[in-house]
Amino acid sequence: MDTKLARLQAIFTPMRSVIVAFSGGVDSSFLLRVAHEAAGDRVLALTTTSPTMPDEDLASAREIADLIGARHLVISSNELEIPGYAANPLNRCYLCKHNLFTVCEQKAAELGIEHIVDGLNLDDLRDYRPGMQAAAEKRVRHPLVEAELSKQEIRELSKMMGLPTWDRPASPCLSSRFPYGTRITLERLHQVSGGEKLLRSMGFRVVRVRYHGEVARLEVGREEMARLLEPQIGELLSREFRKLGFRFVTLDLGGFRSGSLNEGVVAPAPDNQA
């Protein structure tokens, strides 16, 4: 890992200025830390906010940027206003990333910043990631991929550096809770967000509330599944989820799987992703 870390540091050393697309998650926090150590105030962390972003993620991003000591810019950008996004097509991630990198590109031009980087890691290349096309179009670099760093290595190095994000569960945008083709609305985002906040307040650490119309499908870590089957817990969840607008609550016996709604998805041809 030391060789890979040195390789990552070497990527940033010659950069005169760089924007890090910063969510405050495991990958972008580690990337920002290394970039800031190598390039100092030549680095700007840029975070875009939206109704699709869990509320606690913005607070976390601010805290981590402050901990690292990096300059941090927060820009409001409502993804639901992106043409076609709310229809939740297969290339939704492309639309989101294209918007994000367009914001980064515009800010880079305004401030005279030369490079834009993101926190894509080596393991991400194995998943369905239409947003990678947007990065290619905007000439966004993926230093973690260039350094051949996996998610587990990033977590281990983050722990060594004292970053509190080292064991943080993944926190993708709330739109990932909706099957492709299911329309995304502000009301529905509030439903899944409210359900996940409730579960976390009850002590569940890794949770997803997948939206299926009247049905909320819960994914939790396998070690926590038995607790959801306790009668009093089930009664509480059934009552509270009805208040959120769901009629039924079901437990996915497969447990938590990051990106489970990508299962069985075949990536469309590149010319269909624009």
Foldseek 3Di string as FASTA:
>chain_A
DVQLLVLLLVVQQVFQAEEEAFQLALQSLLSVLSNCVRHNASYEYEYEDELQAQPVRVVNRVVSCVVSVYHYHYHYDYLLPQPPLQQQAPLNLLSVLLVSLVVVVVVCVVVVGDAYEYRDAPVCVVADHSVVVSCVVSVYYHSNVVSRHDLLNSLVVCVVVVNPNSPADDGDTLSLLEQGRDGDDSLVSCLFSVLVVVVVVVPFRDWGFRDDDLETEIAGAPVCVVVCPPVVNVVVSCVVSVVSPHNYYHYDNVHDDVSPSRVPPDDDDSVVND
